[in-house]
C-alpha atoms as a PDB file:
ATOM      1  CA  MET A   1    -109.243  54.539 -89.318  1.00  0.00           C
ATOM      2  CA  LYS A   2    -112.412  55.048 -87.176  1.00  0.00           C
ATOM      3  CA  GLN A   3    -112.466  51.413 -86.190  1.00  0.00           C
ATOM      4  CA  LYS A   4    -108.804  51.517 -85.083  1.00  0.00           C
ATOM      5  CA  ILE A   5    -109.533  54.813 -83.094  1.00  0.00           C
ATOM      6  CA  GLN A   6    -112.524  53.050 -81.298  1.00  0.00           C
ATOM      7  CA  GLN A   7    -110.413  49.967 -80.457  1.00  0.00           C
ATOM      8  CA  VAL A   8    -107.667  52.238 -78.918  1.00  0.00           C
ATOM      9  CA  LYS A   9    -110.339  54.069 -76.972  1.00  0.00           C
ATOM     10  CA  ILE A  10    -111.817  50.794 -75.567  1.00  0.00           C
ATOM     11  CA  LEU A  11    -108.349  49.560 -74.493  1.00  0.00           C
ATOM     12  CA  LEU A  12    -107.651  52.972 -72.749  1.00  0.00           C
ATOM     13  CA  ASP A  13    -110.971  52.656 -70.985  1.00  0.00           C
ATOM     14  CA  ALA A  14    -110.172  49.147 -69.990  1.00  0.00           C
ATOM     15  CA  LEU A  15    -106.707  49.998 -68.559  1.00  0.00           C
ATOM     16  CA  PRO A  16    -107.908  50.652 -64.979  1.00  0.00           C
ATOM     17  CA  TYR A  17    -109.627  47.434 -64.857  1.00  0.00           C
ATOM     18  CA  ILE A  18    -106.712  45.522 -66.254  1.00  0.00           C
ATOM     19  CA  LYS A  19    -104.500  46.946 -63.593  1.00  0.00           C
ATOM     20  CA  LYS A  20    -107.096  46.410 -60.902  1.00  0.00           C
ATOM     21  CA  TYR A  21    -107.772  42.680 -61.714  1.00  0.00           C
ATOM     22  CA  THR A  22    -104.262  41.454 -62.983  1.00  0.00           C
ATOM     23  CA  ASN A  23    -103.545  38.103 -61.309  1.00  0.00           C
ATOM     24  CA  ALA A  24    -107.119  37.969 -59.764  1.00  0.00           C
ATOM     25  CA  ILE A  25    -109.018  34.786 -59.906  1.00  0.00           C
ATOM     26  CA  PHE A  26    -112.492  34.926 -61.426  1.00  0.00           C
ATOM     27  CA  VAL A  27    -114.732  31.929 -61.195  1.00  0.00           C
ATOM     28  CA  ILE A  28    -117.316  31.780 -64.007  1.00  0.00           C
ATOM     29  CA  LYS A  29    -120.189  29.437 -63.875  1.00  0.00           C
ATOM     30  CA  PHE A  30    -121.257  28.687 -67.462  1.00  0.00           C
ATOM     31  CA  GLY A  31    -124.602  27.291 -68.167  1.00  0.00           C
ATOM     32  CA  GLY A  32    -128.025  27.777 -69.613  1.00  0.00           C
ATOM     33  CA  SER A  33    -128.856  28.323 -73.292  1.00  0.00           C
ATOM     34  CA  ALA A  34    -125.267  29.442 -73.962  1.00  0.00           C
ATOM     35  CA  LEU A  35    -124.134  25.812 -73.732  1.00  0.00           C
ATOM     36  CA  LEU A  36    -126.431  25.027 -76.685  1.00  0.00           C
ATOM     37  CA  ASP A  37    -126.007  28.132 -78.925  1.00  0.00           C
ATOM     38  CA  PRO A  38    -122.816  27.946 -81.097  1.00  0.00           C
ATOM     39  CA  THR A  39    -122.740  31.860 -81.307  1.00  0.00           C
ATOM     40  CA  LEU A  40    -122.986  32.306 -77.490  1.00  0.00           C
ATOM     41  CA  LYS A  41    -120.434  29.655 -76.947  1.00  0.00           C
ATOM     42  CA  ALA A  42    -117.941  31.381 -79.386  1.00  0.00           C
ATOM     43  CA  LYS A  43    -118.628  34.727 -77.606  1.00  0.00           C
ATOM     44  CA  PHE A  44    -118.024  33.080 -74.268  1.00  0.00           C
ATOM     45  CA  ALA A  45    -114.665  31.639 -75.524  1.00  0.00           C
ATOM     46  CA  GLU A  46    -113.494  35.055 -76.753  1.00  0.00           C
ATOM     47  CA  ASP A  47    -114.432  36.735 -73.591  1.00  0.00           C
ATOM     48  CA  ILE A  48    -112.591  34.161 -71.403  1.00  0.00           C
ATOM     49  CA  LEU A  49    -109.562  34.530 -73.663  1.00  0.00           C
ATOM     50  CA  LEU A  50    -109.638  38.339 -73.228  1.00  0.00           C
ATOM     51  CA  MET A  51    -109.666  37.780 -69.416  1.00  0.00           C
ATOM     52  CA  TYR A  52    -106.742  35.296 -69.913  1.00  0.00           C
ATOM     53  CA  LEU A  53    -104.793  37.731 -71.936  1.00  0.00           C
ATOM     54  CA  MET A  54    -105.472  40.555 -69.534  1.00  0.00           C
ATOM     55  CA  GLY A  55    -103.722  38.633 -66.657  1.00  0.00           C
ATOM     56  CA  ILE A  56    -106.940  37.418 -65.019  1.00  0.00           C
ATOM     57  CA  LYS A  57    -107.040  33.802 -63.964  1.00  0.00           C
ATOM     58  CA  PRO A  58    -110.431  32.320 -65.023  1.00  0.00           C
ATOM     59  CA  VAL A  59    -111.711  29.136 -63.534  1.00  0.00           C
ATOM     60  CA  ILE A  60    -114.714  27.732 -65.255  1.00  0.00           C
ATOM     61  CA  VAL A  61    -117.436  25.576 -63.615  1.00  0.00           C
ATOM     62  CA  HIS A  62    -120.230  24.432 -66.070  1.00  0.00           C
ATOM     63  CA  GLY A  63    -123.684  22.974 -65.805  1.00  0.00           C
ATOM     64  CA  GLY A  64    -125.481  20.963 -68.382  1.00  0.00           C
ATOM     65  CA  SER A  65    -129.093  20.186 -67.252  1.00  0.00           C
ATOM     66  CA  LYS A  66    -130.743  20.463 -70.771  1.00  0.00           C
ATOM     67  CA  LYS A  67    -128.174  18.189 -72.366  1.00  0.00           C
ATOM     68  CA  ILE A  68    -128.626  15.735 -69.581  1.00  0.00           C
ATOM     69  CA  SER A  69    -132.362  15.704 -70.017  1.00  0.00           C
ATOM     70  CA  ALA A  70    -132.047  15.313 -73.692  1.00  0.00           C
ATOM     71  CA  MET A  71    -129.694  12.304 -73.357  1.00  0.00           C
ATOM     72  CA  LEU A  72    -132.014  10.672 -70.641  1.00  0.00           C
ATOM     73  CA  GLU A  73    -134.918  11.024 -72.998  1.00  0.00           C
ATOM     74  CA  ARG A  74    -132.871   9.583 -75.903  1.00  0.00           C
ATOM     75  CA  LEU A  75    -132.059   6.563 -73.706  1.00  0.00           C
ATOM     76  CA  GLN A  76    -135.623   6.350 -72.343  1.00  0.00           C
ATOM     77  CA  ILE A  77    -134.615   6.772 -68.806  1.00  0.00           C
ATOM     78  CA  GLU A  78    -137.177   8.616 -66.622  1.00  0.00           C
ATOM     79  CA  THR A  79    -136.130  11.674 -64.712  1.00  0.00           C
ATOM     80  CA  GLU A  80    -137.873  14.012 -62.357  1.00  0.00           C
ATOM     81  CA  PHE A  81    -137.221  17.212 -60.404  1.00  0.00           C
ATOM     82  CA  ILE A  82    -138.154  17.951 -56.684  1.00  0.00           C
ATOM     83  CA  ASP A  83    -137.448  21.458 -55.386  1.00  0.00           C
ATOM     84  CA  GLY A  84    -135.499  22.133 -58.616  1.00  0.00           C
ATOM     85  CA  LEU A  85    -133.062  19.281 -58.060  1.00  0.00           C
ATOM     86  CA  ARG A  86    -132.887  16.219 -60.405  1.00  0.00           C
ATOM     87  CA  VAL A  87    -133.656  13.018 -58.489  1.00  0.00           C
ATOM     88  CA  THR A  88    -130.560  10.985 -59.295  1.00  0.00           C
ATOM     89  CA  ASP A  89    -130.394   7.260 -59.072  1.00  0.00           C
ATOM     90  CA  GLU A  90    -127.433   5.200 -60.224  1.00  0.00           C
ATOM     91  CA  ARG A  91    -128.614   5.004 -63.902  1.00  0.00           C
ATOM     92  CA  VAL A  92    -129.245   8.745 -64.035  1.00  0.00           C
ATOM     93  CA  MET A  93    -125.821   9.404 -62.314  1.00  0.00           C
ATOM     94  CA  GLU A  94    -124.082   7.480 -65.055  1.00  0.00           C
ATOM     95  CA  VAL A  95    -125.703   9.644 -67.722  1.00  0.00           C
ATOM     96  CA  VAL A  96    -125.103  12.852 -65.671  1.00  0.00           C
ATOM     97  CA  GLU A  97    -121.345  12.017 -65.450  1.00  0.00           C
ATOM     98  CA  MET A  98    -121.190  10.993 -69.166  1.00  0.00           C
ATOM     99  CA  VAL A  99    -122.681  14.209 -70.362  1.00  0.00           C
ATOM    100  CA  LEU A 100    -120.882  16.603 -67.806  1.00  0.00           C
ATOM    101  CA  SER A 101    -117.542  15.007 -67.760  1.00  0.00           C
ATOM    102  CA  GLY A 102    -117.334  13.228 -71.077  1.00  0.00           C
ATOM    103  CA  ASN A 103    -119.248  15.606 -73.464  1.00  0.00           C
ATOM    104  CA  ILE A 104    -119.831  19.257 -72.163  1.00  0.00           C
ATOM    105  CA  ASN A 105    -116.464  19.485 -70.292  1.00  0.00           C
ATOM    106  CA  LYS A 106    -114.353  18.423 -73.298  1.00  0.00           C
ATOM    107  CA  GLU A 107    -116.304  20.612 -75.536  1.00  0.00           C
ATOM    108  CA  ILE A 108    -115.767  23.775 -73.591  1.00  0.00           C
ATOM    109  CA  THR A 109    -112.070  22.734 -73.201  1.00  0.00           C
ATOM    110  CA  THR A 110    -111.573  22.272 -76.855  1.00  0.00           C
ATOM    111  CA  LEU A 111    -113.446  25.507 -77.707  1.00  0.00           C
ATOM    112  CA  LEU A 112    -111.132  27.514 -75.457  1.00  0.00           C
ATOM    113  CA  ASN A 113    -108.029  25.877 -76.787  1.00  0.00           C
ATOM    114  CA  HIS A 114    -109.235  26.588 -80.322  1.00  0.00           C
ATOM    115  CA  HIS A 115    -109.638  30.245 -79.568  1.00  0.00           C
ATOM    116  CA  GLY A 116    -105.973  30.367 -78.183  1.00  0.00           C
ATOM    117  CA  ALA A 117    -106.414  29.914 -74.540  1.00  0.00           C
ATOM    118  CA  LYS A 118    -104.843  27.034 -72.649  1.00  0.00           C
ATOM    119  CA  ALA A 119    -107.596  25.031 -70.928  1.00  0.00           C
ATOM    120  CA  LEU A 120    -107.679  21.672 -69.214  1.00  0.00           C
ATOM    121  CA  GLY A 121    -110.942  19.867 -68.220  1.00  0.00           C
ATOM    122  CA  ILE A 122    -111.481  17.874 -64.878  1.00  0.00           C
ATOM    123  CA  SER A 123    -114.264  16.832 -62.783  1.00  0.00           C
ATOM    124  CA  GLY A 124    -114.794  17.096 -59.045  1.00  0.00           C
ATOM    125  CA  LYS A 125    -113.697  13.482 -58.716  1.00  0.00           C
ATOM    126  CA  ASP A 126    -110.232  14.229 -60.015  1.00  0.00           C
ATOM    127  CA  ALA A 127    -107.767  14.424 -57.105  1.00  0.00           C
ATOM    128  CA  ASP A 128    -110.675  14.377 -54.703  1.00  0.00           C
ATOM    129  CA  LEU A 129    -111.246  18.028 -55.770  1.00  0.00           C
ATOM    130  CA  ILE A 130    -114.892  18.006 -54.459  1.00  0.00           C
ATOM    131  CA  THR A 131    -116.130  15.736 -51.846  1.00  0.00           C
ATOM    132  CA  ALA A 132    -119.793  15.473 -50.829  1.00  0.00           C
ATOM    133  CA  ARG A 133    -122.455  13.711 -48.725  1.00  0.00           C
ATOM    134  CA  PRO A 134    -125.999  12.888 -49.683  1.00  0.00           C
ATOM    135  CA  ARG A 135    -128.760  15.464 -49.523  1.00  0.00           C
ATOM    136  CA  GLU A 136    -131.730  13.596 -48.107  1.00  0.00           C
ATOM    137  CA  LYS A 137    -130.914  10.374 -50.009  1.00  0.00           C
ATOM    138  CA  GLU A 138    -134.358   8.891 -49.878  1.00  0.00           C
ATOM    139  CA  LYS A 139    -135.710  11.916 -51.546  1.00  0.00           C
ATOM    140  CA  TYR A 140    -133.040  12.972 -53.976  1.00  0.00           C
ATOM    141  CA  GLY A 141    -130.820   9.966 -54.446  1.00  0.00           C
ATOM    142  CA  LEU A 142    -127.337  10.692 -55.368  1.00  0.00           C
ATOM    143  CA  VAL A 143    -127.723  14.632 -55.236  1.00  0.00           C
ATOM    144  CA  GLY A 144    -124.872  15.826 -53.021  1.00  0.00           C
ATOM    145  CA  ASP A 145    -124.021  18.614 -50.623  1.00  0.00           C
ATOM    146  CA  ILE A 146    -120.465  19.631 -50.875  1.00  0.00           C
ATOM    147  CA  ILE A 147    -118.440  19.023 -47.576  1.00  0.00           C
ATOM    148  CA  GLY A 148    -114.988  19.715 -48.899  1.00  0.00           C
ATOM    149  CA  VAL A 149    -112.977  21.499 -51.719  1.00  0.00           C
ATOM    150  CA  ASP A 150    -109.287  20.575 -52.116  1.00  0.00           C
ATOM    151  CA  ASP A 151    -108.100  23.508 -54.269  1.00  0.00           C
ATOM    152  CA  THR A 152    -104.609  22.105 -54.744  1.00  0.00           C
ATOM    153  CA  VAL A 153    -105.187  20.893 -58.289  1.00  0.00           C
ATOM    154  CA  ILE A 154    -106.847  24.081 -59.262  1.00  0.00           C
ATOM    155  CA  LYS A 155    -103.904  26.113 -57.905  1.00  0.00           C
ATOM    156  CA  ASN A 156    -101.461  23.868 -59.661  1.00  0.00           C
ATOM    157  CA  LEU A 157    -103.257  24.251 -62.915  1.00  0.00           C
ATOM    158  CA  ILE A 158    -103.425  28.104 -62.587  1.00  0.00           C
ATOM    159  CA  ALA A 159     -99.728  28.181 -61.703  1.00  0.00           C
ATOM    160  CA  GLU A 160     -98.903  26.374 -65.032  1.00  0.00           C
ATOM    161  CA  LYS A 161    -101.232  29.019 -66.873  1.00  0.00           C
ATOM    162  CA  PHE A 162    -104.016  26.654 -67.546  1.00  0.00           C
ATOM    163  CA  ILE A 163    -107.670  27.656 -67.311  1.00  0.00           C
ATOM    164  CA  PRO A 164    -109.268  24.892 -65.269  1.00  0.00           C
ATOM    165  CA  VAL A 165    -112.754  23.742 -66.591  1.00  0.00           C
ATOM    166  CA  ILE A 166    -114.625  21.822 -63.920  1.00  0.00           C
ATOM    167  CA  ALA A 167    -117.514  19.422 -64.188  1.00  0.00           C
ATOM    168  CA  PRO A 168    -119.669  19.441 -60.928  1.00  0.00           C
ATOM    169  CA  ILE A 169    -119.361  15.861 -59.996  1.00  0.00           C
ATOM    170  CA  ALA A 170    -118.299  15.002 -56.580  1.00  0.00           C
ATOM    171  CA  THR A 171    -116.494  11.959 -54.998  1.00  0.00           C
ATOM    172  CA  SER A 172    -117.402  10.085 -51.818  1.00  0.00           C
ATOM    173  CA  ASP A 173    -115.224   8.586 -49.103  1.00  0.00           C
ATOM    174  CA  GLU A 174    -116.875   5.163 -49.929  1.00  0.00           C
ATOM    175  CA  ILE A 175    -115.118   2.675 -52.127  1.00  0.00           C
ATOM    176  CA  ASN A 176    -116.825   2.100 -55.447  1.00  0.00           C
ATOM    177  CA  HIS A 177    -119.213   4.886 -54.920  1.00  0.00           C
ATOM    178  CA  PRO A 178    -120.754   6.367 -58.245  1.00  0.00           C
ATOM    179  CA  GLY A 179    -120.326   9.895 -57.070  1.00  0.00           C
ATOM    180  CA  TYR A 180    -122.679  12.831 -56.491  1.00  0.00           C
ATOM    181  CA  ASN A 181    -124.597  14.965 -58.749  1.00  0.00           C
ATOM    182  CA  ILE A 182    -123.725  18.640 -57.536  1.00  0.00           C
ATOM    183  CA  ASN A 183    -125.698  21.757 -58.518  1.00  0.00           C
ATOM    184  CA  ALA A 184    -123.174  23.806 -60.626  1.00  0.00           C
ATOM    185  CA  ASP A 185    -124.022  27.139 -58.812  1.00  0.00           C
ATOM    186  CA  CYS A 186    -123.242  25.666 -55.523  1.00  0.00           C
ATOM    187  CA  ALA A 187    -120.032  24.100 -56.889  1.00  0.00           C
ATOM    188  CA  ALA A 188    -118.949  27.418 -58.366  1.00  0.00           C
ATOM    189  CA  SER A 189    -119.664  29.167 -55.083  1.00  0.00           C
ATOM    190  CA  GLN A 190    -117.806  26.753 -52.835  1.00  0.00           C
ATOM    191  CA  ILE A 191    -114.829  26.721 -55.219  1.00  0.00           C
ATOM    192  CA  ALA A 192    -114.786  30.665 -55.428  1.00  0.00           C
ATOM    193  CA  ALA A 193    -114.797  30.789 -51.631  1.00  0.00           C
ATOM    194  CA  ARG A 194    -112.164  28.206 -51.345  1.00  0.00           C
ATOM    195  CA  LEU A 195    -109.825  29.942 -53.789  1.00  0.00           C
ATOM    196  CA  GLY A 196    -110.561  33.439 -52.485  1.00  0.00           C
ATOM    197  CA  ALA A 197    -111.651  34.423 -55.875  1.00  0.00           C
ATOM    198  CA  ARG A 198    -112.015  38.193 -56.558  1.00  0.00           C
ATOM    199  CA  LYS A 199    -115.189  37.755 -58.474  1.00  0.00           C
ATOM    200  CA  ILE A 200    -117.757  35.075 -59.208  1.00  0.00           C
ATOM    201  CA  ILE A 201    -119.902  35.393 -62.464  1.00  0.00           C
ATOM    202  CA  PHE A 202    -123.001  33.381 -63.171  1.00  0.00           C
ATOM    203  CA  MET A 203    -123.829  32.917 -66.852  1.00  0.00           C
ATOM    204  CA  THR A 204    -127.277  31.461 -66.684  1.00  0.00           C
ATOM    205  CA  ASP A 205    -130.992  31.509 -67.900  1.00  0.00           C
ATOM    206  CA  ALA A 206    -132.054  32.096 -64.274  1.00  0.00           C
ATOM    207  CA  PRO A 207    -133.648  35.499 -63.679  1.00  0.00           C
ATOM    208  CA  GLY A 208    -131.174  36.477 -60.990  1.00  0.00           C
ATOM    209  CA  VAL A 209    -130.845  36.432 -57.120  1.00  0.00           C
ATOM    210  CA  MET A 210    -134.152  36.737 -55.529  1.00  0.00           C
ATOM    211  CA  ASP A 211    -135.479  36.905 -52.035  1.00  0.00           C
ATOM    212  CA  LYS A 212    -138.253  34.768 -50.591  1.00  0.00           C
ATOM    213  CA  GLU A 213    -140.869  37.165 -52.021  1.00  0.00           C
ATOM    214  CA  LYS A 214    -139.385  36.452 -55.598  1.00  0.00           C
ATOM    215  CA  GLN A 215    -138.058  40.042 -55.798  1.00  0.00           C
ATOM    216  CA  HIS A 216    -134.770  40.685 -57.264  1.00  0.00           C
ATOM    217  CA  TRP A 217    -132.147  41.210 -54.474  1.00  0.00           C
ATOM    218  CA  MET A 218    -130.233  43.914 -56.352  1.00  0.00           C
ATOM    219  CA  LYS A 219    -133.289  46.151 -56.686  1.00  0.00           C
ATOM    220  CA  LYS A 220    -133.353  46.578 -52.868  1.00  0.00           C
ATOM    221  CA  ARG A 221    -129.749  47.838 -52.767  1.00  0.00           C
END
């Protein structure tokens, strides 16, 4: 009985938020250790399902740096980071796309569907969702800066009551180009801006938003 009373109380407390955010788009960047921990992944799926059932429209953008590094090590392909960005040649790009689009994206989609949501996985290459240009090609290789987001496919999926799960790989206007490796935080931010999302949520191991003195931005507010 006490448990049921507590559940009712939680629902009553949540009602104002349910009313406030019904039909709102939330973009969630999913990354860090949560991608590797089965318990955290299950909790993530439950939370997304709760949002979905409340009438919120989640859009997931995921990372996968640790899994990419593990696969590169397994394949004995050298990798390095400059200024926090993975230097990406064509061999590395092939692995990045394989892990992000082929492994992690489908794993998250399957997990959400298993918990009762209706999710569909895509990459930024699909329907030219994300287009990019190289960021200092001689220095970073196929690391890209986003120059355009076509939100049509995302809006179509939302209209059909799907949860879009997006791998941060961008396309190029060049024929037979291997694509660009995009920072997941940047991809989530650009997609949220394009969609006019009500909120953007970052699930990550990073310590938070900091200024140039490495102080937490929120502490100054």
